[in-house]
C-alpha cells in the first residue's frame, strides 16, 4: 500500500512540473535567452 502512495505522489509532482514547464513555454518563457541561436524560441 505504501508503494502505491509514493508512486501516486511522484506522478502528481512530475505532472505539476511538466504542466508548469508547458505553461512557461507557451507564454514565451523558458527560452534559452539567445533567440538567434535557439530554433525553438517563439520570438524568432
Protein backbone atom coordinates (compact mmCIF):
# COMPACT_ATOMS: atom_id res chain seq x y z
CA UNK A 1 0.00 0.00 0.00
CA UNK A 2 2.85 2.39 0.82
CA UNK A 3 4.43 1.87 -2.60
CA UNK A 4 1.22 2.90 -4.34
CA UNK A 5 1.04 6.11 -2.32
CA UNK A 6 4.67 7.00 -3.08
CA UNK A 7 4.19 6.31 -6.80
CA UNK A 8 0.99 8.38 -6.85
CA UNK A 9 2.73 11.32 -5.17
CA UNK A 10 5.62 11.11 -7.64
CA UNK A 11 3.23 11.03 -10.60
CA UNK A 12 1.43 14.12 -9.29
CA UNK A 13 4.70 16.01 -8.72
CA UNK A 14 6.04 15.14 -12.18
CA UNK A 15 2.71 16.13 -13.71
CA UNK A 16 2.80 19.51 -12.00
CA UNK A 17 6.38 20.12 -13.14
CA UNK A 18 5.52 19.24 -16.75
CA UNK A 19 2.42 21.45 -16.58
CA UNK A 20 4.48 24.35 -15.25
CA UNK A 21 7.11 23.92 -17.96
CA UNK A 22 4.43 23.73 -20.67
CA UNK A 23 2.71 26.91 -19.46
CA UNK A 24 6.04 28.71 -19.26
CA UNK A 25 6.90 27.63 -22.80
CA UNK A 26 3.52 28.71 -24.20
CA UNK A 27 3.78 32.13 -22.55
CA UNK A 28 7.18 32.74 -24.13
CA UNK A 29 9.25 31.98 -21.04
CA UNK A 30 11.81 29.27 -20.66
CA UNK A 31 13.69 30.26 -23.77
CA UNK A 32 17.44 29.83 -23.93
CA UNK A 33 17.95 33.61 -23.95
CA UNK A 34 19.57 33.96 -27.37
CA UNK A 35 16.79 33.76 -29.94
CA UNK A 36 19.16 33.98 -32.87
CA UNK A 37 20.62 30.59 -31.89
CA UNK A 38 17.51 28.95 -30.43
CA UNK A 39 15.32 27.19 -33.01
CA UNK A 40 12.52 26.51 -30.51
CA UNK A 41 12.17 30.10 -29.32
CA UNK A 42 8.69 31.51 -30.06
CA UNK A 43 10.11 35.00 -30.70
CA UNK A 44 12.09 34.02 -33.77
